[in-house]
Amino acid sequence: MDTLVGLLPIIAIALVFWLLIIRPQMRRQRELVQMQSAISAGDEVLLSSGVFGTIAAIEDTHLMVTIAPGVEIKVARGAVAQILRDEPAPELGEQRDAEATDAPDTDTEER
């Protein structure tokens, strides 16, 4: 009985470690594999090296990625970090204008 009580903190630490570290990492890995298996020709992708390109052809273990007109590179399927979607990004100028108009005028002192 005393040995069971002595092992209880170690078991609790192992359970917390599994819940907070191992389980989320397994979920992220599963999502990455699903994303990489869903790649199709014509998708715009970001490679893990930071190179942007468009999938030109798909083979078993590798992909042909067009990175510039007339330039194709052969990469491993696992090198795809993200499939880019056509979502408009906010312009930097628009963001600054919104911040400038939303800020209250704090300079009330006359000079």
PDB file of N, CA and C in Angstrom:
ATOM      1  N   MET A   1       0.821  -1.197   0.000  1.00  0.00           N
ATOM      2  CA  MET A   1       0.000   0.000   0.000  1.00  0.00           C
ATOM      3  C   MET A   1       0.863   1.258   0.000  1.00  0.00           C
ATOM      4  N   ASP A   2       1.924   1.266   0.797  1.00  0.00           N
ATOM      5  CA  ASP A   2       2.815   2.427   0.860  1.00  0.00           C
ATOM      6  C   ASP A   2       3.534   2.651  -0.472  1.00  0.00           C
ATOM      7  N   THR A   3       3.870   1.565  -1.174  1.00  0.00           N
ATOM      8  CA  THR A   3       4.548   1.722  -2.461  1.00  0.00           C
ATOM      9  C   THR A   3       3.606   2.329  -3.493  1.00  0.00           C
ATOM     10  N   LEU A   4       2.324   1.982  -3.417  1.00  0.00           N
ATOM     11  CA  LEU A   4       1.345   2.558  -4.338  1.00  0.00           C
ATOM     12  C   LEU A   4       1.195   4.054  -4.092  1.00  0.00           C
ATOM     13  N   VAL A   5       1.156   4.448  -2.835  1.00  0.00           N
ATOM     14  CA  VAL A   5       1.045   5.860  -2.485  1.00  0.00           C
ATOM     15  C   VAL A   5       2.313   6.597  -2.917  1.00  0.00           C
ATOM     16  N   GLY A   6       3.462   5.950  -2.819  1.00  0.00           N
ATOM     17  CA  GLY A   6       4.717   6.563  -3.239  1.00  0.00           C
ATOM     18  C   GLY A   6       4.808   6.731  -4.740  1.00  0.00           C
ATOM     19  N   LEU A   7       4.187   5.847  -5.495  1.00  0.00           N
ATOM     20  CA  LEU A   7       4.198   5.916  -6.957  1.00  0.00           C
ATOM     21  C   LEU A   7       3.140   6.859  -7.518  1.00  0.00           C
ATOM     22  N   LEU A   8       2.166   7.215  -6.728  1.00  0.00           N
ATOM     23  CA  LEU A   8       1.072   8.069  -7.188  1.00  0.00           C
ATOM     24  C   LEU A   8       1.553   9.418  -7.734  1.00  0.00           C
ATOM     25  N   PRO A   9       2.490  10.138  -7.085  1.00  0.00           N
ATOM     26  CA  PRO A   9       2.966  11.408  -7.672  1.00  0.00           C
ATOM     27  C   PRO A   9       3.684  11.206  -9.008  1.00  0.00           C
ATOM     28  N   ILE A  10       4.444  10.140  -9.139  1.00  0.00           N
ATOM     29  CA  ILE A  10       5.140   9.873 -10.396  1.00  0.00           C
ATOM     30  C   ILE A  10       4.133   9.587 -11.506  1.00  0.00           C
ATOM     31  N   ILE A  11       3.104   8.829 -11.205  1.00  0.00           N
ATOM     32  CA  ILE A  11       2.050   8.526 -12.180  1.00  0.00           C
ATOM     33  C   ILE A  11       1.310   9.810 -12.561  1.00  0.00           C
ATOM     34  N   ALA A  12       1.043  10.677 -11.589  1.00  0.00           N
ATOM     35  CA  ALA A  12       0.348  11.937 -11.866  1.00  0.00           C
ATOM     36  C   ALA A  12       1.203  12.837 -12.756  1.00  0.00           C
ATOM     37  N   ILE A  13       2.510  12.895 -12.504  1.00  0.00           N
ATOM     38  CA  ILE A  13       3.401  13.713 -13.328  1.00  0.00           C
ATOM     39  C   ILE A  13       3.440  13.179 -14.755  1.00  0.00           C
ATOM     40  N   ALA A  14       3.522  11.862 -14.910  1.00  0.00           N
ATOM     41  CA  ALA A  14       3.536  11.256 -16.241  1.00  0.00           C
ATOM     42  C   ALA A  14       2.228  11.558 -16.981  1.00  0.00           C
ATOM     43  N   LEU A  15       1.108  11.510 -16.296  1.00  0.00           N
ATOM     44  CA  LEU A  15      -0.189  11.802 -16.911  1.00  0.00           C
ATOM     45  C   LEU A  15      -0.276  13.260 -17.359  1.00  0.00           C
ATOM     46  N   VAL A  16       0.165  14.168 -16.523  1.00  0.00           N
ATOM     47  CA  VAL A  16       0.150  15.593 -16.873  1.00  0.00           C
ATOM     48  C   VAL A  16       1.084  15.846 -18.055  1.00  0.00           C
ATOM     49  N   PHE A  17       2.266  15.228 -18.046  1.00  0.00           N
ATOM     50  CA  PHE A  17       3.213  15.361 -19.141  1.00  0.00           C
ATOM     51  C   PHE A  17       2.580  14.893 -20.438  1.00  0.00           C
ATOM     52  N   TRP A  18       1.897  13.766 -20.409  1.00  0.00           N
ATOM     53  CA  TRP A  18       1.247  13.239 -21.606  1.00  0.00           C
ATOM     54  C   TRP A  18       0.144  14.181 -22.088  1.00  0.00           C
ATOM     55  N   LEU A  19      -0.670  14.677 -21.162  1.00  0.00           N
ATOM     56  CA  LEU A  19      -1.784  15.547 -21.546  1.00  0.00           C
ATOM     57  C   LEU A  19      -1.320  16.893 -22.106  1.00  0.00           C
ATOM     58  N   LEU A  20      -0.253  17.457 -21.555  1.00  0.00           N
ATOM     59  CA  LEU A  20       0.162  18.804 -21.946  1.00  0.00           C
ATOM     60  C   LEU A  20       1.185  18.843 -23.069  1.00  0.00           C
ATOM     61  N   ILE A  21       1.941  17.778 -23.267  1.00  0.00           N
ATOM     62  CA  ILE A  21       3.011  17.831 -24.264  1.00  0.00           C
ATOM     63  C   ILE A  21       2.826  16.808 -25.373  1.00  0.00           C
ATOM     64  N   ILE A  22       2.715  15.566 -25.037  1.00  0.00           N
ATOM     65  CA  ILE A  22       2.707  14.504 -26.053  1.00  0.00           C
ATOM     66  C   ILE A  22       1.420  14.509 -26.870  1.00  0.00           C
ATOM     67  N   ARG A  23       0.295  14.599 -26.237  1.00  0.00           N
ATOM     68  CA  ARG A  23      -0.993  14.542 -26.955  1.00  0.00           C
ATOM     69  C   ARG A  23      -1.172  15.689 -27.947  1.00  0.00           C
ATOM     70  N   PRO A  24      -0.895  16.957 -27.576  1.00  0.00           N
ATOM     71  CA  PRO A  24      -1.017  18.042 -28.568  1.00  0.00           C
ATOM     72  C   PRO A  24      -0.032  17.889 -29.722  1.00  0.00           C
ATOM     73  N   GLN A  25       1.185  17.405 -29.444  1.00  0.00           N
ATOM     74  CA  GLN A  25       2.155  17.210 -30.512  1.00  0.00           C
ATOM     75  C   GLN A  25       1.682  16.134 -31.483  1.00  0.00           C
ATOM     76  N   MET A  26       1.078  15.070 -30.978  1.00  0.00           N
ATOM     77  CA  MET A  26       0.543  14.022 -31.856  1.00  0.00           C
ATOM     78  C   MET A  26      -0.580  14.576 -32.727  1.00  0.00           C
ATOM     79  N   ARG A  27      -1.407  15.443 -32.171  1.00  0.00           N
ATOM     80  CA  ARG A  27      -2.505  16.051 -32.930  1.00  0.00           C
ATOM     81  C   ARG A  27      -1.958  16.948 -34.044  1.00  0.00           C
ATOM     82  N   ARG A  28      -0.944  17.771 -33.726  1.00  0.00           N
ATOM     83  CA  ARG A  28      -0.341  18.638 -34.745  1.00  0.00           C
ATOM     84  C   ARG A  28       0.306  17.815 -35.859  1.00  0.00           C
ATOM     85  N   GLN A  29       0.974  16.720 -35.487  1.00  0.00           N
ATOM     86  CA  GLN A  29       1.609  15.864 -36.490  1.00  0.00           C
ATOM     87  C   GLN A  29       0.558  15.232 -37.399  1.00  0.00           C
ATOM     88  N   ARG A  30      -0.560  14.804 -36.826  1.00  0.00           N
ATOM     89  CA  ARG A  30      -1.639  14.200 -37.616  1.00  0.00           C
ATOM     90  C   ARG A  30      -2.233  15.223 -38.584  1.00  0.00           C
ATOM     91  N   GLU A  31      -2.424  16.460 -38.123  1.00  0.00           N
ATOM     92  CA  GLU A  31      -2.950  17.512 -38.995  1.00  0.00           C
ATOM     93  C   GLU A  31      -1.981  17.829 -40.124  1.00  0.00           C
ATOM     94  N   LEU A  32      -0.678  17.840 -39.844  1.00  0.00           N
ATOM     95  CA  LEU A  32       0.334  18.110 -40.862  1.00  0.00           C
ATOM     96  C   LEU A  32       0.333  17.021 -41.930  1.00  0.00           C
ATOM     97  N   VAL A  33       0.231  15.769 -41.513  1.00  0.00           N
ATOM     98  CA  VAL A  33       0.190  14.658 -42.474  1.00  0.00           C
ATOM     99  C   VAL A  33      -1.064  14.742 -43.329  1.00  0.00           C
ATOM    100  N   GLN A  34      -2.212  15.075 -42.729  1.00  0.00           N
ATOM    101  CA  GLN A  34      -3.452  15.227 -43.497  1.00  0.00           C
ATOM    102  C   GLN A  34      -3.327  16.364 -44.510  1.00  0.00           C
ATOM    103  N   MET A  35      -2.731  17.488 -44.098  1.00  0.00           N
ATOM    104  CA  MET A  35      -2.562  18.619 -44.997  1.00  0.00           C
ATOM    105  C   MET A  35      -1.648  18.238 -46.157  1.00  0.00           C
ATOM    106  N   GLN A  36      -0.556  17.538 -45.864  1.00  0.00           N
ATOM    107  CA  GLN A  36       0.386  17.165 -46.909  1.00  0.00           C
ATOM    108  C   GLN A  36      -0.203  16.126 -47.856  1.00  0.00           C
ATOM    109  N   SER A  37      -1.111  15.297 -47.387  1.00  0.00           N
ATOM    110  CA  SER A  37      -1.730  14.317 -48.275  1.00  0.00           C
ATOM    111  C   SER A  37      -2.849  14.938 -49.112  1.00  0.00           C
ATOM    112  N   ALA A  38      -3.331  16.116 -48.722  1.00  0.00           N
ATOM    113  CA  ALA A  38      -4.419  16.783 -49.445  1.00  0.00           C
ATOM    114  C   ALA A  38      -3.895  17.739 -50.516  1.00  0.00           C
ATOM    115  N   ILE A  39      -2.603  17.758 -50.745  1.00  0.00           N
ATOM    116  CA  ILE A  39      -2.021  18.657 -51.741  1.00  0.00           C
ATOM    117  C   ILE A  39      -2.439  18.217 -53.135  1.00  0.00           C
ATOM    118  N   SER A  40      -2.785  19.187 -53.970  1.00  0.00           N
ATOM    119  CA  SER A  40      -3.115  18.876 -55.362  1.00  0.00           C
ATOM    120  C   SER A  40      -2.378  19.848 -56.278  1.00  0.00           C
ATOM    121  N   ALA A  41      -2.284  19.482 -57.524  1.00  0.00           N
ATOM    122  CA  ALA A  41      -1.587  20.331 -58.497  1.00  0.00           C
ATOM    123  C   ALA A  41      -2.292  21.677 -58.595  1.00  0.00           C
ATOM    124  N   GLY A  42      -1.519  22.739 -58.642  1.00  0.00           N
ATOM    125  CA  GLY A  42      -2.075  24.086 -58.726  1.00  0.00           C
ATOM    126  C   GLY A  42      -2.166  24.791 -57.390  1.00  0.00           C
ATOM    127  N   ASP A  43      -1.976  24.070 -56.277  1.00  0.00           N
ATOM    128  CA  ASP A  43      -2.019  24.706 -54.963  1.00  0.00           C
ATOM    129  C   ASP A  43      -0.789  25.572 -54.754  1.00  0.00           C
ATOM    130  N   GLU A  44      -1.000  26.725 -54.135  1.00  0.00           N
ATOM    131  CA  GLU A  44       0.131  27.560 -53.739  1.00  0.00           C
ATOM    132  C   GLU A  44       0.554  27.107 -52.351  1.00  0.00           C
ATOM    133  N   VAL A  45       1.873  26.899 -52.177  1.00  0.00           N
ATOM    134  CA  VAL A  45       2.372  26.354 -50.927  1.00  0.00           C
ATOM    135  C   VAL A  45       3.547  27.169 -50.399  1.00  0.00           C
ATOM    136  N   LEU A  46       3.793  27.022 -49.120  1.00  0.00           N
ATOM    137  CA  LEU A  46       4.976  27.560 -48.462  1.00  0.00           C
ATOM    138  C   LEU A  46       5.782  26.361 -48.009  1.00  0.00           C
ATOM    139  N   LEU A  47       7.020  26.279 -48.451  1.00  0.00           N
ATOM    140  CA  LEU A  47       7.891  25.179 -48.063  1.00  0.00           C
ATOM    141  C   LEU A  47       8.537  25.488 -46.720  1.00  0.00           C
ATOM    142  N   SER A  48       9.004  24.473 -46.040  1.00  0.00           N
ATOM    143  CA  SER A  48       9.609  24.668 -44.728  1.00  0.00           C
ATOM    144  C   SER A  48      10.888  25.500 -44.803  1.00  0.00           C
ATOM    145  N   SER A  49      11.476  25.628 -45.972  1.00  0.00           N
ATOM    146  CA  SER A  49      12.667  26.455 -46.150  1.00  0.00           C
ATOM    147  C   SER A  49      12.319  27.932 -46.342  1.00  0.00           C
ATOM    148  N   GLY A  50      11.028  28.252 -46.444  1.00  0.00           N
ATOM    149  CA  GLY A  50      10.605  29.637 -46.629  1.00  0.00           C
ATOM    150  C   GLY A  50      10.355  30.003 -48.070  1.00  0.00           C
ATOM    151  N   VAL A  51      10.417  29.038 -48.986  1.00  0.00           N
ATOM    152  CA  VAL A  51      10.214  29.291 -50.407  1.00  0.00           C
ATOM    153  C   VAL A  51       8.724  29.156 -50.732  1.00  0.00           C
ATOM    154  N   PHE A  52       8.185  30.136 -51.458  1.00  0.00           N
ATOM    155  CA  PHE A  52       6.805  30.091 -51.922  1.00  0.00           C
ATOM    156  C   PHE A  52       6.803  29.509 -53.331  1.00  0.00           C
ATOM    157  N   GLY A  53       5.765  28.730 -53.655  1.00  0.00           N
ATOM    158  CA  GLY A  53       5.682  28.179 -54.992  1.00  0.00           C
ATOM    159  C   GLY A  53       4.316  27.602 -55.270  1.00  0.00           C
ATOM    160  N   THR A  54       4.163  27.079 -56.474  1.00  0.00           N
ATOM    161  CA  THR A  54       2.925  26.450 -56.920  1.00  0.00           C
ATOM    162  C   THR A  54       3.229  25.016 -57.310  1.00  0.00           C
ATOM    163  N   ILE A  55       2.380  24.085 -56.873  1.00  0.00           N
ATOM    164  CA  ILE A  55       2.586  22.679 -57.181  1.00  0.00           C
ATOM    165  C   ILE A  55       2.331  22.463 -58.667  1.00  0.00           C
ATOM    166  N   ALA A  56       3.347  21.939 -59.376  1.00  0.00           N
ATOM    167  CA  ALA A  56       3.215  21.670 -60.808  1.00  0.00           C
ATOM    168  C   ALA A  56       2.856  20.209 -61.049  1.00  0.00           C
ATOM    169  N   ALA A  57       3.463  19.298 -60.302  1.00  0.00           N
ATOM    170  CA  ALA A  57       3.199  17.868 -60.479  1.00  0.00           C
ATOM    171  C   ALA A  57       3.405  17.163 -59.147  1.00  0.00           C
ATOM    172  N   ILE A  58       2.667  16.071 -58.968  1.00  0.00           N
ATOM    173  CA  ILE A  58       2.756  15.287 -57.742  1.00  0.00           C
ATOM    174  C   ILE A  58       3.183  13.875 -58.099  1.00  0.00           C
ATOM    175  N   GLU A  59       4.202  13.389 -57.410  1.00  0.00           N
ATOM    176  CA  GLU A  59       4.632  12.005 -57.559  1.00  0.00           C
ATOM    177  C   GLU A  59       4.544  11.357 -56.183  1.00  0.00           C
ATOM    178  N   ASP A  60       4.931  10.088 -56.074  1.00  0.00           N
ATOM    179  CA  ASP A  60       4.736   9.364 -54.824  1.00  0.00           C
ATOM    180  C   ASP A  60       5.349  10.056 -53.605  1.00  0.00           C
ATOM    181  N   THR A  61       6.636  10.272 -53.628  1.00  0.00           N
ATOM    182  CA  THR A  61       7.318  10.805 -52.456  1.00  0.00           C
ATOM    183  C   THR A  61       7.781  12.239 -52.613  1.00  0.00           C
ATOM    184  N   HIS A  62       7.639  12.804 -53.794  1.00  0.00           N
ATOM    185  CA  HIS A  62       8.097  14.172 -53.983  1.00  0.00           C
ATOM    186  C   HIS A  62       7.145  14.961 -54.870  1.00  0.00           C
ATOM    187  N   LEU A  63       7.399  16.265 -54.912  1.00  0.00           N
ATOM    188  CA  LEU A  63       6.559  17.196 -55.663  1.00  0.00           C
ATOM    189  C   LEU A  63       7.447  18.041 -56.566  1.00  0.00           C
ATOM    190  N   MET A  64       6.912  18.468 -57.665  1.00  0.00           N
ATOM    191  CA  MET A  64       7.577  19.453 -58.515  1.00  0.00           C
ATOM    192  C   MET A  64       6.897  20.786 -58.224  1.00  0.00           C
ATOM    193  N   VAL A  65       7.684  21.749 -57.767  1.00  0.00           N
ATOM    194  CA  VAL A  65       7.149  23.043 -57.353  1.00  0.00           C
ATOM    195  C   VAL A  65       7.723  24.123 -58.264  1.00  0.00           C
ATOM    196  N   THR A  66       6.831  24.929 -58.841  1.00  0.00           N
ATOM    197  CA  THR A  66       7.238  26.058 -59.673  1.00  0.00           C
ATOM    198  C   THR A  66       7.448  27.257 -58.752  1.00  0.00           C
ATOM    199  N   ILE A  67       8.694  27.775 -58.734  1.00  0.00           N
ATOM    200  CA  ILE A  67       8.984  28.911 -57.858  1.00  0.00           C
ATOM    201  C   ILE A  67       9.128  30.214 -58.633  1.00  0.00           C
ATOM    202  N   ALA A  68       9.284  30.115 -59.947  1.00  0.00           N
ATOM    203  CA  ALA A  68       9.349  31.282 -60.826  1.00  0.00           C
ATOM    204  C   ALA A  68       8.986  30.778 -62.220  1.00  0.00           C
ATOM    205  N   PRO A  69       8.591  31.650 -63.124  1.00  0.00           N
ATOM    206  CA  PRO A  69       8.263  31.190 -64.472  1.00  0.00           C
ATOM    207  C   PRO A  69       9.452  30.445 -65.092  1.00  0.00           C
ATOM    208  N   GLY A  70       9.223  29.187 -65.444  1.00  0.00           N
ATOM    209  CA  GLY A  70      10.253  28.366 -66.060  1.00  0.00           C
ATOM    210  C   GLY A  70      11.217  27.714 -65.082  1.00  0.00           C
ATOM    211  N   VAL A  71      11.005  27.900 -63.769  1.00  0.00           N
ATOM    212  CA  VAL A  71      11.899  27.319 -62.766  1.00  0.00           C
ATOM    213  C   VAL A  71      11.094  26.376 -61.877  1.00  0.00           C
ATOM    214  N   GLU A  72      11.415  25.082 -61.955  1.00  0.00           N
ATOM    215  CA  GLU A  72      10.764  24.077 -61.119  1.00  0.00           C
ATOM    216  C   GLU A  72      11.816  23.391 -60.267  1.00  0.00           C
ATOM    217  N   ILE A  73      11.448  23.123 -59.013  1.00  0.00           N
ATOM    218  CA  ILE A  73      12.332  22.384 -58.135  1.00  0.00           C
ATOM    219  C   ILE A  73      11.626  21.136 -57.657  1.00  0.00           C
ATOM    220  N   LYS A  74      12.402  20.122 -57.348  1.00  0.00           N
ATOM    221  CA  LYS A  74      11.884  18.856 -56.865  1.00  0.00           C
ATOM    222  C   LYS A  74      12.078  18.829 -55.353  1.00  0.00           C
ATOM    223  N   VAL A  75      10.985  18.699 -54.602  1.00  0.00           N
ATOM    224  CA  VAL A  75      11.061  18.710 -53.141  1.00  0.00           C
ATOM    225  C   VAL A  75      10.343  17.489 -52.576  1.00  0.00           C
ATOM    226  N   ALA A  76      10.726  17.104 -51.376  1.00  0.00           N
ATOM    227  CA  ALA A  76      10.040  16.031 -50.673  1.00  0.00           C
ATOM    228  C   ALA A  76       8.653  16.504 -50.263  1.00  0.00           C
ATOM    229  N   ARG A  77       7.713  15.593 -50.223  1.00  0.00           N
ATOM    230  CA  ARG A  77       6.345  15.947 -49.832  1.00  0.00           C
ATOM    231  C   ARG A  77       6.322  16.551 -48.427  1.00  0.00           C
ATOM    232  N   GLY A  78       7.192  16.077 -47.560  1.00  0.00           N
ATOM    233  CA  GLY A  78       7.246  16.575 -46.187  1.00  0.00           C
ATOM    234  C   GLY A  78       7.786  17.987 -46.061  1.00  0.00           C
ATOM    235  N   ALA A  79       8.315  18.549 -47.143  1.00  0.00           N
ATOM    236  CA  ALA A  79       8.856  19.906 -47.097  1.00  0.00           C
ATOM    237  C   ALA A  79       7.769  20.960 -47.149  1.00  0.00           C
ATOM    238  N   VAL A  80       6.539  20.574 -47.439  1.00  0.00           N
ATOM    239  CA  VAL A  80       5.439  21.540 -47.504  1.00  0.00           C
ATOM    240  C   VAL A  80       5.005  21.856 -46.078  1.00  0.00           C
ATOM    241  N   ALA A  81       5.153  23.113 -45.691  1.00  0.00           N
ATOM    242  CA  ALA A  81       4.791  23.543 -44.350  1.00  0.00           C
ATOM    243  C   ALA A  81       3.357  24.057 -44.286  1.00  0.00           C
ATOM    244  N   GLN A  82       2.867  24.627 -45.391  1.00  0.00           N
ATOM    245  CA  GLN A  82       1.543  25.249 -45.364  1.00  0.00           C
ATOM    246  C   GLN A  82       1.000  25.369 -46.774  1.00  0.00           C
ATOM    247  N   ILE A  83      -0.296  25.121 -46.923  1.00  0.00           N
ATOM    248  CA  ILE A  83      -0.990  25.394 -48.181  1.00  0.00           C
ATOM    249  C   ILE A  83      -1.595  26.781 -48.037  1.00  0.00           C
ATOM    250  N   LEU A  84      -1.269  27.668 -48.958  1.00  0.00           N
ATOM    251  CA  LEU A  84      -1.737  29.049 -48.870  1.00  0.00           C
ATOM    252  C   LEU A  84      -3.122  29.178 -49.479  1.00  0.00           C
ATOM    253  N   ARG A  85      -3.973  29.864 -48.797  1.00  0.00           N
ATOM    254  CA  ARG A  85      -5.338  30.103 -49.262  1.00  0.00           C
ATOM    255  C   ARG A  85      -5.432  31.521 -49.795  1.00  0.00           C
ATOM    256  N   ASP A  86      -6.412  31.775 -50.625  1.00  0.00           N
ATOM    257  CA  ASP A  86      -6.618  33.105 -51.193  1.00  0.00           C
ATOM    258  C   ASP A  86      -7.415  33.965 -50.231  1.00  0.00           C
ATOM    259  N   GLU A  87      -6.740  34.440 -49.176  1.00  0.00           N
ATOM    260  CA  GLU A  87      -7.369  35.347 -48.224  1.00  0.00           C
ATOM    261  C   GLU A  87      -6.671  36.686 -48.313  1.00  0.00           C
ATOM    262  N   PRO A  88      -7.402  37.741 -48.564  1.00  0.00           N
ATOM    263  CA  PRO A  88      -6.742  39.038 -48.690  1.00  0.00           C
ATOM    264  C   PRO A  88      -6.156  39.486 -47.359  1.00  0.00           C
ATOM    265  N   ALA A  89      -4.911  39.894 -47.382  1.00  0.00           N
ATOM    266  CA  ALA A  89      -4.247  40.412 -46.186  1.00  0.00           C
ATOM    267  C   ALA A  89      -4.487  41.906 -46.099  1.00  0.00           C
ATOM    268  N   PRO A  90      -4.615  42.442 -44.901  1.00  0.00           N
ATOM    269  CA  PRO A  90      -4.818  43.887 -44.778  1.00  0.00           C
ATOM    270  C   PRO A  90      -3.562  44.626 -45.197  1.00  0.00           C
ATOM    271  N   GLU A  91      -3.771  45.747 -45.860  1.00  0.00           N
ATOM    272  CA  GLU A  91      -2.653  46.585 -46.289  1.00  0.00           C
ATOM    273  C   GLU A  91      -2.042  47.253 -45.062  1.00  0.00           C
ATOM    274  N   LEU A  92      -0.757  47.461 -45.077  1.00  0.00           N
ATOM    275  CA  LEU A  92      -0.101  48.102 -43.944  1.00  0.00           C
ATOM    276  C   LEU A  92      -0.586  49.534 -43.758  1.00  0.00           C
ATOM    277  N   GLY A  93      -0.787  50.243 -44.849  1.00  0.00           N
ATOM    278  CA  GLY A  93      -1.263  51.615 -44.764  1.00  0.00           C
ATOM    279  C   GLY A  93      -2.652  51.698 -44.168  1.00  0.00           C
ATOM    280  N   GLU A  94      -3.507  50.773 -44.525  1.00  0.00           N
ATOM    281  CA  GLU A  94      -4.856  50.759 -43.981  1.00  0.00           C
ATOM    282  C   GLU A  94      -4.835  50.503 -42.481  1.00  0.00           C
ATOM    283  N   GLN A  95      -3.952  49.623 -42.028  1.00  0.00           N
ATOM    284  CA  GLN A  95      -3.878  49.317 -40.619  1.00  0.00           C
ATOM    285  C   GLN A  95      -3.399  50.530 -39.824  1.00  0.00           C
ATOM    286  N   ARG A  96      -2.417  51.236 -40.331  1.00  0.00           N
ATOM    287  CA  ARG A  96      -1.916  52.418 -39.646  1.00  0.00           C
ATOM    288  C   ARG A  96      -2.978  53.509 -39.593  1.00  0.00           C
ATOM    289  N   ASP A  97      -3.735  53.693 -40.694  1.00  0.00           N
ATOM    290  CA  ASP A  97      -4.781  54.714 -40.709  1.00  0.00           C
ATOM    291  C   ASP A  97      -5.837  54.416 -39.664  1.00  0.00           C
ATOM    292  N   ALA A  98      -6.200  53.136 -39.525  1.00  0.00           N
ATOM    293  CA  ALA A  98      -7.207  52.755 -38.547  1.00  0.00           C
ATOM    294  C   ALA A  98      -6.688  52.999 -37.138  1.00  0.00           C
ATOM    295  N   GLU A  99      -5.419  52.689 -36.894  1.00  0.00           N
ATOM    296  CA  GLU A  99      -4.860  52.914 -35.571  1.00  0.00           C
ATOM    297  C   GLU A  99      -4.805  54.408 -35.260  1.00  0.00           C
ATOM    298  N   ALA A 100      -4.475  55.219 -36.250  1.00  0.00           N
ATOM    299  CA  ALA A 100      -4.353  56.654 -36.032  1.00  0.00           C
ATOM    300  C   ALA A 100      -5.700  57.284 -35.725  1.00  0.00           C
ATOM    301  N   THR A 101      -6.769  56.842 -36.363  1.00  0.00           N
ATOM    302  CA  THR A 101      -8.079  57.436 -36.135  1.00  0.00           C
ATOM    303  C   THR A 101      -8.743  56.885 -34.883  1.00  0.00           C
ATOM    304  N   ASP A 102      -8.379  55.684 -34.459  1.00  0.00           N
ATOM    305  CA  ASP A 102      -8.979  55.092 -33.268  1.00  0.00           C
ATOM    306  C   ASP A 102      -8.347  55.622 -31.985  1.00  0.00           C
ATOM    307  N   ALA A 103      -7.152  56.140 -32.053  1.00  0.00           N
ATOM    308  CA  ALA A 103      -6.457  56.596 -30.856  1.00  0.00           C
ATOM    309  C   ALA A 103      -7.043  57.924 -30.391  1.00  0.00           C
ATOM    310  N   PRO A 104      -7.316  58.048 -29.093  1.00  0.00           N
ATOM    311  CA  PRO A 104      -7.846  59.324 -28.595  1.00  0.00           C
ATOM    312  C   PRO A 104      -6.747  60.372 -28.595  1.00  0.00           C
ATOM    313  N   ASP A 105      -7.154  61.602 -28.709  1.00  0.00           N
ATOM    314  CA  ASP A 105      -6.207  62.695 -28.730  1.00  0.00           C
ATOM    315  C   ASP A 105      -5.799  62.973 -27.287  1.00  0.00           C
ATOM    316  N   THR A 106      -4.583  62.615 -26.930  1.00  0.00           N
ATOM    317  CA  THR A 106      -4.123  62.770 -25.549  1.00  0.00           C
ATOM    318  C   THR A 106      -3.414  64.086 -25.315  1.00  0.00           C
ATOM    319  N   ASP A 107      -3.093  64.808 -26.347  1.00  0.00           N
ATOM    320  CA  ASP A 107      -2.391  66.091 -26.198  1.00  0.00           C
ATOM    321  C   ASP A 107      -3.418  67.203 -26.119  1.00  0.00           C
ATOM    322  N   THR A 108      -3.865  67.516 -24.907  1.00  0.00           N
ATOM    323  CA  THR A 108      -4.893  68.547 -24.727  1.00  0.00           C
ATOM    324  C   THR A 108      -4.301  69.875 -24.275  1.00  0.00           C
ATOM    325  N   GLU A 109      -3.022  69.870 -23.981  1.00  0.00           N
ATOM    326  CA  GLU A 109      -2.360  71.090 -23.504  1.00  0.00           C
ATOM    327  C   GLU A 109      -2.085  72.052 -24.667  1.00  0.00           C
ATOM    328  N   GLU A 110      -2.400  73.326 -24.461  1.00  0.00           N
ATOM    329  CA  GLU A 110      -2.124  74.319 -25.486  1.00  0.00           C
ATOM    330  C   GLU A 110      -0.674  74.738 -25.417  1.00  0.00           C
ATOM    331  N   ARG A 111      -0.114  75.042 -26.560  1.00  0.00           N
ATOM    332  CA  ARG A 111       1.291  75.442 -26.582  1.00  0.00           C
ATOM    333  C   ARG A 111       1.414  76.867 -26.978  1.00  0.00           C
TER     334      ARG A 111
END
